[in-house]
Amino acid sequence: MNKKVQTAIFLVGCSAVLIFFLMAPESTTPRMPLDGNHPKKQKDYTTCFECHLPETLPENHTVDGKTPPEGKQKCYFCHKLEKEN
């Protein structure tokens, strides 16, 4: 394969990836407020469930709809903090 064909294939591939990312939908997950109750780098995610009781959260946020998940699930992976002004 000559150099021009390789370059063309590379450019088409890069363009396809760029178009794929540009067509991605905007985030619909609510953001956490930037206040004293929601620290920037929270280490212990279980403190979220002190105010946000497991019974009040959607089923996919808890285990069996009753208990907070254990392990590395952290609320701020999906719920990003609001941006500072």
PDB file of N, CA and C in Angstrom:
ATOM      1  N   MET A   1       0.853  -1.171   0.000  1.00  0.00           N
ATOM      2  CA  MET A   1       0.000   0.000   0.000  1.00  0.00           C
ATOM      3  C   MET A   1       0.898   1.232   0.000  1.00  0.00           C
ATOM      4  N   ASN A   2       0.545   2.173  -0.842  1.00  0.00           N
ATOM      5  CA  ASN A   2       1.420   3.345  -0.895  1.00  0.00           C
ATOM      6  C   ASN A   2       1.066   4.342   0.213  1.00  0.00           C
ATOM      7  N   LYS A   3       1.899   5.324   0.374  1.00  0.00           N
ATOM      8  CA  LYS A   3       1.802   6.287   1.473  1.00  0.00           C
ATOM      9  C   LYS A   3       0.517   7.124   1.408  1.00  0.00           C
ATOM     10  N   LYS A   4       0.048   7.481   0.202  1.00  0.00           N
ATOM     11  CA  LYS A   4      -1.157   8.301   0.069  1.00  0.00           C
ATOM     12  C   LYS A   4      -2.394   7.543   0.541  1.00  0.00           C
ATOM     13  N   VAL A   5      -2.472   6.258   0.254  1.00  0.00           N
ATOM     14  CA  VAL A   5      -3.616   5.456   0.680  1.00  0.00           C
ATOM     15  C   VAL A   5      -3.609   5.303   2.197  1.00  0.00           C
ATOM     16  N   GLN A   6      -2.441   5.075   2.779  1.00  0.00           N
ATOM     17  CA  GLN A   6      -2.339   4.972   4.234  1.00  0.00           C
ATOM     18  C   GLN A   6      -2.759   6.272   4.910  1.00  0.00           C
ATOM     19  N   THR A   7      -2.336   7.398   4.363  1.00  0.00           N
ATOM     20  CA  THR A   7      -2.704   8.702   4.913  1.00  0.00           C
ATOM     21  C   THR A   7      -4.197   8.923   4.813  1.00  0.00           C
ATOM     22  N   ALA A   8      -4.797   8.580   3.677  1.00  0.00           N
ATOM     23  CA  ALA A   8      -6.233   8.747   3.486  1.00  0.00           C
ATOM     24  C   ALA A   8      -7.017   7.884   4.472  1.00  0.00           C
ATOM     25  N   ILE A   9      -6.607   6.645   4.666  1.00  0.00           N
ATOM     26  CA  ILE A   9      -7.280   5.754   5.617  1.00  0.00           C
ATOM     27  C   ILE A   9      -7.156   6.305   7.035  1.00  0.00           C
ATOM     28  N   PHE A  10      -5.992   6.804   7.384  1.00  0.00           N
ATOM     29  CA  PHE A  10      -5.781   7.386   8.711  1.00  0.00           C
ATOM     30  C   PHE A  10      -6.691   8.597   8.925  1.00  0.00           C
ATOM     31  N   LEU A  11      -6.777   9.489   7.944  1.00  0.00           N
ATOM     32  CA  LEU A  11      -7.611  10.689   8.071  1.00  0.00           C
ATOM     33  C   LEU A  11      -9.097  10.331   8.164  1.00  0.00           C
ATOM     34  N   VAL A  12      -9.531   9.358   7.393  1.00  0.00           N
ATOM     35  CA  VAL A  12     -10.927   8.927   7.459  1.00  0.00           C
ATOM     36  C   VAL A  12     -11.218   8.332   8.838  1.00  0.00           C
ATOM     37  N   GLY A  13     -10.312   7.533   9.365  1.00  0.00           N
ATOM     38  CA  GLY A  13     -10.483   6.950  10.695  1.00  0.00           C
ATOM     39  C   GLY A  13     -10.543   8.014  11.779  1.00  0.00           C
ATOM     40  N   CYS A  14      -9.642   8.979  11.720  1.00  0.00           N
ATOM     41  CA  CYS A  14      -9.641  10.073  12.706  1.00  0.00           C
ATOM     42  C   CYS A  14     -10.912  10.906  12.604  1.00  0.00           C
ATOM     43  N   SER A  15     -11.359  11.165  11.389  1.00  0.00           N
ATOM     44  CA  SER A  15     -12.594  11.922  11.191  1.00  0.00           C
ATOM     45  C   SER A  15     -13.791  11.167  11.763  1.00  0.00           C
ATOM     46  N   ALA A  16     -13.838   9.857  11.581  1.00  0.00           N
ATOM     47  CA  ALA A  16     -14.941   9.052  12.109  1.00  0.00           C
ATOM     48  C   ALA A  16     -14.975   9.107  13.631  1.00  0.00           C
ATOM     49  N   VAL A  17     -13.815   9.024  14.264  1.00  0.00           N
ATOM     50  CA  VAL A  17     -13.754   9.099  15.724  1.00  0.00           C
ATOM     51  C   VAL A  17     -14.185  10.476  16.204  1.00  0.00           C
ATOM     52  N   LEU A  18     -13.741  11.526  15.545  1.00  0.00           N
ATOM     53  CA  LEU A  18     -14.122  12.887  15.914  1.00  0.00           C
ATOM     54  C   LEU A  18     -15.626  13.083  15.782  1.00  0.00           C
ATOM     55  N   ILE A  19     -16.213  12.639  14.702  1.00  0.00           N
ATOM     56  CA  ILE A  19     -17.659  12.765  14.491  1.00  0.00           C
ATOM     57  C   ILE A  19     -18.412  11.981  15.560  1.00  0.00           C
ATOM     58  N   PHE A  20     -17.915  10.793  15.902  1.00  0.00           N
ATOM     59  CA  PHE A  20     -18.551   9.980  16.936  1.00  0.00           C
ATOM     60  C   PHE A  20     -18.612  10.749  18.256  1.00  0.00           C
ATOM     61  N   PHE A  21     -17.511  11.371  18.663  1.00  0.00           N
ATOM     62  CA  PHE A  21     -17.492  12.115  19.920  1.00  0.00           C
ATOM     63  C   PHE A  21     -18.315  13.394  19.853  1.00  0.00           C
ATOM     64  N   LEU A  22     -18.361  14.053  18.719  1.00  0.00           N
ATOM     65  CA  LEU A  22     -19.154  15.277  18.595  1.00  0.00           C
ATOM     66  C   LEU A  22     -20.650  14.997  18.636  1.00  0.00           C
ATOM     67  N   MET A  23     -21.057  13.790  18.266  1.00  0.00           N
ATOM     68  CA  MET A  23     -22.474  13.431  18.263  1.00  0.00           C
ATOM     69  C   MET A  23     -22.956  12.915  19.620  1.00  0.00           C
ATOM     70  N   ALA A  24     -22.077  12.801  20.594  1.00  0.00           N
ATOM     71  CA  ALA A  24     -22.450  12.287  21.915  1.00  0.00           C
ATOM     72  C   ALA A  24     -23.436  13.240  22.581  1.00  0.00           C
ATOM     73  N   PRO A  25     -24.429  12.695  23.278  1.00  0.00           N
ATOM     74  CA  PRO A  25     -25.410  13.565  23.951  1.00  0.00           C
ATOM     75  C   PRO A  25     -24.784  14.260  25.152  1.00  0.00           C
ATOM     76  N   GLU A  26     -25.423  15.346  25.562  1.00  0.00           N
ATOM     77  CA  GLU A  26     -24.951  16.064  26.744  1.00  0.00           C
ATOM     78  C   GLU A  26     -25.269  15.251  27.993  1.00  0.00           C
ATOM     79  N   SER A  27     -24.551  15.504  29.038  1.00  0.00           N
ATOM     80  CA  SER A  27     -24.770  14.807  30.297  1.00  0.00           C
ATOM     81  C   SER A  27     -26.122  15.191  30.874  1.00  0.00           C
ATOM     82  N   THR A  28     -26.871  14.204  31.359  1.00  0.00           N
ATOM     83  CA  THR A  28     -28.181  14.476  31.953  1.00  0.00           C
ATOM     84  C   THR A  28     -28.181  14.236  33.452  1.00  0.00           C
ATOM     85  N   THR A  29     -27.061  13.823  33.998  1.00  0.00           N
ATOM     86  CA  THR A  29     -26.971  13.561  35.428  1.00  0.00           C
ATOM     87  C   THR A  29     -26.918  14.887  36.175  1.00  0.00           C
ATOM     88  N   PRO A  30     -27.772  15.061  37.202  1.00  0.00           N
ATOM     89  CA  PRO A  30     -27.739  16.314  37.959  1.00  0.00           C
ATOM     90  C   PRO A  30     -26.388  16.526  38.620  1.00  0.00           C
ATOM     91  N   ARG A  31     -25.959  17.763  38.668  1.00  0.00           N
ATOM     92  CA  ARG A  31     -24.683  18.103  39.299  1.00  0.00           C
ATOM     93  C   ARG A  31     -24.887  18.329  40.793  1.00  0.00           C
ATOM     94  N   MET A  32     -23.821  18.072  41.571  1.00  0.00           N
ATOM     95  CA  MET A  32     -23.861  18.340  42.999  1.00  0.00           C
ATOM     96  C   MET A  32     -23.540  19.815  43.226  1.00  0.00           C
ATOM     97  N   PRO A  33     -24.233  20.453  44.159  1.00  0.00           N
ATOM     98  CA  PRO A  33     -23.915  21.855  44.444  1.00  0.00           C
ATOM     99  C   PRO A  33     -22.523  21.976  45.053  1.00  0.00           C
ATOM    100  N   LEU A  34     -21.898  23.079  44.786  1.00  0.00           N
ATOM    101  CA  LEU A  34     -20.558  23.342  45.315  1.00  0.00           C
ATOM    102  C   LEU A  34     -20.718  24.095  46.633  1.00  0.00           C
ATOM    103  N   ASP A  35     -20.904  23.323  47.714  1.00  0.00           N
ATOM    104  CA  ASP A  35     -21.094  23.936  49.021  1.00  0.00           C
ATOM    105  C   ASP A  35     -20.362  23.103  50.076  1.00  0.00           C
ATOM    106  N   GLY A  36     -20.535  23.456  51.332  1.00  0.00           N
ATOM    107  CA  GLY A  36     -19.835  22.769  52.413  1.00  0.00           C
ATOM    108  C   GLY A  36     -20.267  21.329  52.611  1.00  0.00           C
ATOM    109  N   ASN A  37     -21.485  20.978  52.167  1.00  0.00           N
ATOM    110  CA  ASN A  37     -21.978  19.612  52.336  1.00  0.00           C
ATOM    111  C   ASN A  37     -21.470  18.668  51.256  1.00  0.00           C
ATOM    112  N   HIS A  38     -20.977  19.205  50.161  1.00  0.00           N
ATOM    113  CA  HIS A  38     -20.495  18.401  49.042  1.00  0.00           C
ATOM    114  C   HIS A  38     -19.055  18.801  48.737  1.00  0.00           C
ATOM    115  N   PRO A  39     -18.085  18.276  49.505  1.00  0.00           N
ATOM    116  CA  PRO A  39     -16.686  18.690  49.315  1.00  0.00           C
ATOM    117  C   PRO A  39     -16.140  18.265  47.963  1.00  0.00           C
ATOM    118  N   LYS A  40     -15.114  18.975  47.515  1.00  0.00           N
ATOM    119  CA  LYS A  40     -14.527  18.714  46.198  1.00  0.00           C
ATOM    120  C   LYS A  40     -13.961  17.314  46.078  1.00  0.00           C
ATOM    121  N   LYS A  41     -13.157  16.892  47.031  1.00  0.00           N
ATOM    122  CA  LYS A  41     -12.517  15.576  46.950  1.00  0.00           C
ATOM    123  C   LYS A  41     -12.945  14.745  48.151  1.00  0.00           C
ATOM    124  N   GLN A  42     -14.157  14.251  48.067  1.00  0.00           N
ATOM    125  CA  GLN A  42     -14.700  13.472  49.164  1.00  0.00           C
ATOM    126  C   GLN A  42     -14.130  12.062  49.123  1.00  0.00           C
ATOM    127  N   LYS A  43     -13.603  11.593  50.227  1.00  0.00           N
ATOM    128  CA  LYS A  43     -12.998  10.266  50.281  1.00  0.00           C
ATOM    129  C   LYS A  43     -14.021   9.210  50.692  1.00  0.00           C
ATOM    130  N   ASP A  44     -14.938   9.565  51.574  1.00  0.00           N
ATOM    131  CA  ASP A  44     -15.889   8.596  52.112  1.00  0.00           C
ATOM    132  C   ASP A  44     -17.267   8.851  51.509  1.00  0.00           C
ATOM    133  N   TYR A  45     -17.612   8.089  50.476  1.00  0.00           N
ATOM    134  CA  TYR A  45     -18.879   8.311  49.793  1.00  0.00           C
ATOM    135  C   TYR A  45     -20.072   7.917  50.645  1.00  0.00           C
ATOM    136  N   THR A  46     -19.865   7.132  51.693  1.00  0.00           N
ATOM    137  CA  THR A  46     -20.997   6.717  52.524  1.00  0.00           C
ATOM    138  C   THR A  46     -21.629   7.902  53.245  1.00  0.00           C
ATOM    139  N   THR A  47     -20.919   9.010  53.361  1.00  0.00           N
ATOM    140  CA  THR A  47     -21.516  10.188  53.991  1.00  0.00           C
ATOM    141  C   THR A  47     -22.650  10.757  53.141  1.00  0.00           C
ATOM    142  N   CYS A  48     -22.679  10.421  51.849  1.00  0.00           N
ATOM    143  CA  CYS A  48     -23.786  10.863  50.995  1.00  0.00           C
ATOM    144  C   CYS A  48     -25.111  10.339  51.525  1.00  0.00           C
ATOM    145  N   PHE A  49     -25.083   9.125  52.071  1.00  0.00           N
ATOM    146  CA  PHE A  49     -26.322   8.474  52.504  1.00  0.00           C
ATOM    147  C   PHE A  49     -26.788   8.953  53.871  1.00  0.00           C
ATOM    148  N   GLU A  50     -26.058   9.874  54.492  1.00  0.00           N
ATOM    149  CA  GLU A  50     -26.544  10.478  55.728  1.00  0.00           C
ATOM    150  C   GLU A  50     -27.673  11.454  55.421  1.00  0.00           C
ATOM    151  N   CYS A  51     -27.550  12.201  54.332  1.00  0.00           N
ATOM    152  CA  CYS A  51     -28.603  13.144  53.926  1.00  0.00           C
ATOM    153  C   CYS A  51     -29.536  12.536  52.875  1.00  0.00           C
ATOM    154  N   HIS A  52     -28.955  11.793  51.944  1.00  0.00           N
ATOM    155  CA  HIS A  52     -29.714  11.173  50.863  1.00  0.00           C
ATOM    156  C   HIS A  52     -30.003   9.729  51.263  1.00  0.00           C
ATOM    157  N   LEU A  53     -31.102   9.535  51.942  1.00  0.00           N
ATOM    158  CA  LEU A  53     -31.443   8.210  52.459  1.00  0.00           C
ATOM    159  C   LEU A  53     -31.656   7.224  51.319  1.00  0.00           C
ATOM    160  N   PRO A  54     -31.185   5.976  51.475  1.00  0.00           N
ATOM    161  CA  PRO A  54     -31.314   4.983  50.410  1.00  0.00           C
ATOM    162  C   PRO A  54     -32.754   4.769  49.946  1.00  0.00           C
ATOM    163  N   GLU A  55     -33.722   4.921  50.851  1.00  0.00           N
ATOM    164  CA  GLU A  55     -35.130   4.728  50.479  1.00  0.00           C
ATOM    165  C   GLU A  55     -35.619   5.787  49.491  1.00  0.00           C
ATOM    166  N   THR A  56     -34.969   6.953  49.488  1.00  0.00           N
ATOM    167  CA  THR A  56     -35.418   8.049  48.624  1.00  0.00           C
ATOM    168  C   THR A  56     -34.719   8.056  47.267  1.00  0.00           C
ATOM    169  N   LEU A  57     -33.719   7.190  47.076  1.00  0.00           N
ATOM    170  CA  LEU A  57     -32.947   7.177  45.836  1.00  0.00           C
ATOM    171  C   LEU A  57     -33.533   6.191  44.829  1.00  0.00           C
ATOM    172  N   PRO A  58     -33.238   6.374  43.551  1.00  0.00           N
ATOM    173  CA  PRO A  58     -33.682   5.404  42.539  1.00  0.00           C
ATOM    174  C   PRO A  58     -33.099   4.017  42.823  1.00  0.00           C
ATOM    175  N   GLU A  59     -33.754   2.991  42.288  1.00  0.00           N
ATOM    176  CA  GLU A  59     -33.339   1.610  42.562  1.00  0.00           C
ATOM    177  C   GLU A  59     -31.910   1.322  42.116  1.00  0.00           C
ATOM    178  N   ASN A  60     -31.469   1.945  41.007  1.00  0.00           N
ATOM    179  CA  ASN A  60     -30.125   1.650  40.510  1.00  0.00           C
ATOM    180  C   ASN A  60     -29.027   2.328  41.336  1.00  0.00           C
ATOM    181  N   HIS A  61     -29.394   3.070  42.372  1.00  0.00           N
ATOM    182  CA  HIS A  61     -28.418   3.713  43.247  1.00  0.00           C
ATOM    183  C   HIS A  61     -28.181   2.919  44.527  1.00  0.00           C
ATOM    184  N   THR A  62     -28.982   1.900  44.779  1.00  0.00           N
ATOM    185  CA  THR A  62     -28.873   1.126  46.009  1.00  0.00           C
ATOM    186  C   THR A  62     -28.895  -0.364  45.701  1.00  0.00           C
ATOM    187  N   VAL A  63     -28.537  -1.153  46.707  1.00  0.00           N
ATOM    188  CA  VAL A  63     -28.601  -2.605  46.583  1.00  0.00           C
ATOM    189  C   VAL A  63     -29.948  -3.040  47.152  1.00  0.00           C
ATOM    190  N   ASP A  64     -30.725  -3.741  46.378  1.00  0.00           N
ATOM    191  CA  ASP A  64     -32.063  -4.210  46.782  1.00  0.00           C
ATOM    192  C   ASP A  64     -32.996  -3.056  47.137  1.00  0.00           C
ATOM    193  N   GLY A  65     -32.701  -1.840  46.677  1.00  0.00           N
ATOM    194  CA  GLY A  65     -33.546  -0.689  46.960  1.00  0.00           C
ATOM    195  C   GLY A  65     -33.521  -0.236  48.402  1.00  0.00           C
ATOM    196  N   LYS A  66     -32.612  -0.795  49.209  1.00  0.00           N
ATOM    197  CA  LYS A  66     -32.621  -0.474  50.630  1.00  0.00           C
ATOM    198  C   LYS A  66     -31.289  -0.011  51.179  1.00  0.00           C
ATOM    199  N   THR A  67     -30.201  -0.623  50.715  1.00  0.00           N
ATOM    200  CA  THR A  67     -28.906  -0.346  51.330  1.00  0.00           C
ATOM    201  C   THR A  67     -27.954   0.296  50.331  1.00  0.00           C
ATOM    202  N   PRO A  68     -27.066   1.157  50.809  1.00  0.00           N
ATOM    203  CA  PRO A  68     -26.075   1.770  49.917  1.00  0.00           C
ATOM    204  C   PRO A  68     -25.121   0.714  49.378  1.00  0.00           C
ATOM    205  N   PRO A  69     -24.579   0.923  48.189  1.00  0.00           N
ATOM    206  CA  PRO A  69     -23.630  -0.053  47.643  1.00  0.00           C
ATOM    207  C   PRO A  69     -22.309  -0.031  48.403  1.00  0.00           C
ATOM    208  N   GLU A  70     -21.623  -1.159  48.381  1.00  0.00           N
ATOM    209  CA  GLU A  70     -20.307  -1.234  48.999  1.00  0.00           C
ATOM    210  C   GLU A  70     -19.266  -1.291  47.894  1.00  0.00           C
ATOM    211  N   GLY A  71     -18.061  -0.898  48.201  1.00  0.00           N
ATOM    212  CA  GLY A  71     -16.997  -0.977  47.218  1.00  0.00           C
ATOM    213  C   GLY A  71     -16.589   0.389  46.719  1.00  0.00           C
ATOM    214  N   LYS A  72     -16.293   0.480  45.424  1.00  0.00           N
ATOM    215  CA  LYS A  72     -15.696   1.689  44.874  1.00  0.00           C
ATOM    216  C   LYS A  72     -16.696   2.597  44.175  1.00  0.00           C
ATOM    217  N   GLN A  73     -18.010   2.317  44.268  1.00  0.00           N
ATOM    218  CA  GLN A  73     -18.977   3.228  43.663  1.00  0.00           C
ATOM    219  C   GLN A  73     -18.997   4.523  44.462  1.00  0.00           C
ATOM    220  N   LYS A  74     -18.746   5.597  43.787  1.00  0.00           N
ATOM    221  CA  LYS A  74     -18.752   6.898  44.432  1.00  0.00           C
ATOM    222  C   LYS A  74     -19.737   7.791  43.696  1.00  0.00           C
ATOM    223  N   CYS A  75     -20.510   8.535  44.440  1.00  0.00           N
ATOM    224  CA  CYS A  75     -21.558   9.366  43.852  1.00  0.00           C
ATOM    225  C   CYS A  75     -20.972  10.364  42.855  1.00  0.00           C
ATOM    226  N   TYR A  76     -19.804  10.905  43.156  1.00  0.00           N
ATOM    227  CA  TYR A  76     -19.247  11.962  42.310  1.00  0.00           C
ATOM    228  C   TYR A  76     -18.620  11.441  41.022  1.00  0.00           C
ATOM    229  N   PHE A  77     -18.635  10.131  40.783  1.00  0.00           N
ATOM    230  CA  PHE A  77     -18.210   9.635  39.467  1.00  0.00           C
ATOM    231  C   PHE A  77     -19.229  10.060  38.416  1.00  0.00           C
ATOM    232  N   CYS A  78     -20.507   9.995  38.759  1.00  0.00           N
ATOM    233  CA  CYS A  78     -21.571  10.392  37.818  1.00  0.00           C
ATOM    234  C   CYS A  78     -22.057  11.808  38.084  1.00  0.00           C
ATOM    235  N   HIS A  79     -22.203  12.154  39.362  1.00  0.00           N
ATOM    236  CA  HIS A  79     -22.722  13.466  39.752  1.00  0.00           C
ATOM    237  C   HIS A  79     -21.546  14.412  39.986  1.00  0.00           C
ATOM    238  N   LYS A  80     -21.131  15.103  38.949  1.00  0.00           N
ATOM    239  CA  LYS A  80     -19.994  16.029  39.050  1.00  0.00           C
ATOM    240  C   LYS A  80     -20.404  17.275  39.814  1.00  0.00           C
ATOM    241  N   LEU A  81     -19.435  17.935  40.416  1.00  0.00           N
ATOM    242  CA  LEU A  81     -19.700  19.190  41.118  1.00  0.00           C
ATOM    243  C   LEU A  81     -19.983  20.310  40.118  1.00  0.00           C
ATOM    244  N   GLU A  82     -20.798  21.270  40.538  1.00  0.00           N
ATOM    245  CA  GLU A  82     -21.048  22.443  39.704  1.00  0.00           C
ATOM    246  C   GLU A  82     -19.744  23.194  39.523  1.00  0.00           C
ATOM    247  N   LYS A  83     -19.625  23.887  38.415  1.00  0.00           N
ATOM    248  CA  LYS A  83     -18.393  24.632  38.145  1.00  0.00           C
ATOM    249  C   LYS A  83     -18.373  25.916  38.940  1.00  0.00           C
ATOM    250  N   GLU A  84     -17.153  26.292  39.370  1.00  0.00           N
ATOM    251  CA  GLU A  84     -16.979  27.532  40.111  1.00  0.00           C
ATOM    252  C   GLU A  84     -17.115  28.720  39.162  1.00  0.00           C
ATOM    253  N   ASN A  85     -17.652  29.805  39.696  1.00  0.00           N
ATOM    254  CA  ASN A  85     -17.814  31.026  38.875  1.00  0.00           C
ATOM    255  C   ASN A  85     -16.566  31.841  38.842  1.00  0.00           C
TER     256      ASN A  85
END
